[in-house]
PDB file of N, CA and C in Angstrom:
ATOM      1  N   MET A   1     -84.863-109.681 -75.257  1.00  0.00           N
ATOM      2  CA  MET A   1     -84.476-109.110 -73.977  1.00  0.00           C
ATOM      3  C   MET A   1     -85.268-107.823 -73.758  1.00  0.00           C
ATOM      4  N   GLY A   2     -85.740-107.586 -72.546  1.00  0.00           N
ATOM      5  CA  GLY A   2     -86.553-106.411 -72.230  1.00  0.00           C
ATOM      6  C   GLY A   2     -85.723-105.148 -72.061  1.00  0.00           C
ATOM      7  N   VAL A   3     -86.403-104.035 -72.181  1.00  0.00           N
ATOM      8  CA  VAL A   3     -85.778-102.726 -71.968  1.00  0.00           C
ATOM      9  C   VAL A   3     -86.383-102.131 -70.704  1.00  0.00           C
ATOM     10  N   TYR A   4     -85.548-101.671 -69.799  1.00  0.00           N
ATOM     11  CA  TYR A   4     -86.001-101.112 -68.531  1.00  0.00           C
ATOM     12  C   TYR A   4     -85.406 -99.726 -68.356  1.00  0.00           C
ATOM     13  N   GLU A   5     -86.139 -98.848 -67.693  1.00  0.00           N
ATOM     14  CA  GLU A   5     -85.649 -97.501 -67.419  1.00  0.00           C
ATOM     15  C   GLU A   5     -85.779 -97.203 -65.937  1.00  0.00           C
ATOM     16  N   ALA A   6     -84.840 -96.419 -65.424  1.00  0.00           N
ATOM     17  CA  ALA A   6     -84.907 -95.928 -64.051  1.00  0.00           C
ATOM     18  C   ALA A   6     -84.513 -94.461 -64.062  1.00  0.00           C
ATOM     19  N   LYS A   7     -85.188 -93.677 -63.252  1.00  0.00           N
ATOM     20  CA  LYS A   7     -84.884 -92.250 -63.138  1.00  0.00           C
ATOM     21  C   LYS A   7     -84.588 -91.957 -61.674  1.00  0.00           C
ATOM     22  N   VAL A   8     -83.471 -91.285 -61.416  1.00  0.00           N
ATOM     23  CA  VAL A   8     -83.108 -90.872 -60.069  1.00  0.00           C
ATOM     24  C   VAL A   8     -83.141 -89.351 -60.040  1.00  0.00           C
ATOM     25  N   ALA A   9     -83.931 -88.783 -59.129  1.00  0.00           N
ATOM     26  CA  ALA A   9     -84.060 -87.327 -59.023  1.00  0.00           C
ATOM     27  C   ALA A   9     -83.557 -86.882 -57.656  1.00  0.00           C
ATOM     28  N   TRP A  10     -82.571 -85.995 -57.644  1.00  0.00           N
ATOM     29  CA  TRP A  10     -82.040 -85.455 -56.401  1.00  0.00           C
ATOM     30  C   TRP A  10     -82.793 -84.194 -56.034  1.00  0.00           C
ATOM     31  N   SER A  11     -83.029 -84.012 -54.744  1.00  0.00           N
ATOM     32  CA  SER A  11     -83.797 -82.862 -54.256  1.00  0.00           C
ATOM     33  C   SER A  11     -82.889 -81.890 -53.511  1.00  0.00           C
ATOM     34  N   ARG A  12     -82.849 -80.651 -53.987  1.00  0.00           N
ATOM     35  CA  ARG A  12     -82.119 -79.603 -53.280  1.00  0.00           C
ATOM     36  C   ARG A  12     -83.050 -78.470 -52.870  1.00  0.00           C
ATOM     37  N   GLY A  13     -84.298 -78.545 -53.270  1.00  0.00           N
ATOM     38  CA  GLY A  13     -85.226 -77.470 -52.941  1.00  0.00           C
ATOM     39  C   GLY A  13     -84.812 -76.184 -53.633  1.00  0.00           C
ATOM     40  N   ASP A  14     -84.812 -75.086 -52.903  1.00  0.00           N
ATOM     41  CA  ASP A  14     -84.443 -73.780 -53.461  1.00  0.00           C
ATOM     42  C   ASP A  14     -82.960 -73.468 -53.309  1.00  0.00           C
ATOM     43  N   GLN A  15     -82.184 -74.401 -52.781  1.00  0.00           N
ATOM     44  CA  GLN A  15     -80.764 -74.154 -52.557  1.00  0.00           C
ATOM     45  C   GLN A  15     -80.012 -74.077 -53.882  1.00  0.00           C
ATOM     46  N   PRO A  16     -79.212 -73.033 -54.081  1.00  0.00           N
ATOM     47  CA  PRO A  16     -78.396 -72.965 -55.302  1.00  0.00           C
ATOM     48  C   PRO A  16     -77.270 -74.004 -55.243  1.00  0.00           C
ATOM     49  N   PHE A  17     -76.826 -74.454 -56.398  1.00  0.00           N
ATOM     50  CA  PHE A  17     -75.772 -75.474 -56.466  1.00  0.00           C
ATOM     51  C   PHE A  17     -74.408 -74.787 -56.477  1.00  0.00           C
ATOM     52  N   LEU A  18     -74.063 -74.160 -55.349  1.00  0.00           N
ATOM     53  CA  LEU A  18     -72.794 -73.438 -55.251  1.00  0.00           C
ATOM     54  C   LEU A  18     -71.731 -74.241 -54.512  1.00  0.00           C
ATOM     55  N   ASP A  19     -72.142 -75.146 -53.635  1.00  0.00           N
ATOM     56  CA  ASP A  19     -71.169 -75.923 -52.858  1.00  0.00           C
ATOM     57  C   ASP A  19     -70.673 -77.158 -53.606  1.00  0.00           C
ATOM     58  N   LYS A  20     -71.232 -77.421 -54.793  1.00  0.00           N
ATOM     59  CA  LYS A  20     -70.838 -78.555 -55.633  1.00  0.00           C
ATOM     60  C   LYS A  20     -70.938 -79.884 -54.889  1.00  0.00           C
ATOM     61  N   ARG A  21     -71.951 -80.010 -54.031  1.00  0.00           N
ATOM     62  CA  ARG A  21     -72.220 -81.253 -53.310  1.00  0.00           C
ATOM     63  C   ARG A  21     -73.671 -81.629 -53.538  1.00  0.00           C
ATOM     64  N   TYR A  22     -73.924 -82.914 -53.661  1.00  0.00           N
ATOM     65  CA  TYR A  22     -75.275 -83.407 -53.867  1.00  0.00           C
ATOM     66  C   TYR A  22     -75.898 -83.780 -52.524  1.00  0.00           C
ATOM     67  N   SER A  23     -77.160 -83.446 -52.368  1.00  0.00           N
ATOM     68  CA  SER A  23     -77.914 -83.867 -51.197  1.00  0.00           C
ATOM     69  C   SER A  23     -78.165 -85.371 -51.292  1.00  0.00           C
ATOM     70  N   ARG A  24     -78.317 -86.014 -50.153  1.00  0.00           N
ATOM     71  CA  ARG A  24     -78.647 -87.445 -50.159  1.00  0.00           C
ATOM     72  C   ARG A  24     -80.131 -87.678 -50.388  1.00  0.00           C
ATOM     73  N   ALA A  25     -80.948 -86.604 -50.350  1.00  0.00           N
ATOM     74  CA  ALA A  25     -82.395 -86.732 -50.568  1.00  0.00           C
ATOM     75  C   ALA A  25     -82.654 -86.972 -52.051  1.00  0.00           C
ATOM     76  N   HIS A  26     -83.236 -88.124 -52.367  1.00  0.00           N
ATOM     77  CA  HIS A  26     -83.498 -88.453 -53.761  1.00  0.00           C
ATOM     78  C   HIS A  26     -84.670 -89.423 -53.862  1.00  0.00           C
ATOM     79  N   SER A  27     -85.171 -89.580 -55.069  1.00  0.00           N
ATOM     80  CA  SER A  27     -86.252 -90.531 -55.317  1.00  0.00           C
ATOM     81  C   SER A  27     -85.948 -91.328 -56.575  1.00  0.00           C
ATOM     82  N   TRP A  28     -86.433 -92.562 -56.597  1.00  0.00           N
ATOM     83  CA  TRP A  28     -86.260 -93.463 -57.734  1.00  0.00           C
ATOM     84  C   TRP A  28     -87.611 -93.692 -58.394  1.00  0.00           C
ATOM     85  N   THR A  29     -87.626 -93.711 -59.718  1.00  0.00           N
ATOM     86  CA  THR A  29     -88.825 -94.040 -60.481  1.00  0.00           C
ATOM     87  C   THR A  29     -88.451 -95.103 -61.506  1.00  0.00           C
ATOM     88  N   PHE A  30     -89.199 -96.194 -61.523  1.00  0.00           N
ATOM     89  CA  PHE A  30     -88.936 -97.283 -62.462  1.00  0.00           C
ATOM     90  C   PHE A  30     -90.067 -97.379 -63.465  1.00  0.00           C
ATOM     91  N   ASP A  31     -89.725 -97.705 -64.704  1.00  0.00           N
ATOM     92  CA  ASP A  31     -90.732 -97.884 -65.737  1.00  0.00           C
ATOM     93  C   ASP A  31     -90.551 -99.237 -66.390  1.00  0.00           C
TER      94      ASP A  31
END
């Protein structure tokens, strides 16, 4: 059986994580 990896990166730019909410802006990377 094969092994697959995926990475999801969320983008907040320079905004501090004070509101405890995630932006919907994200990217997926598959290997």
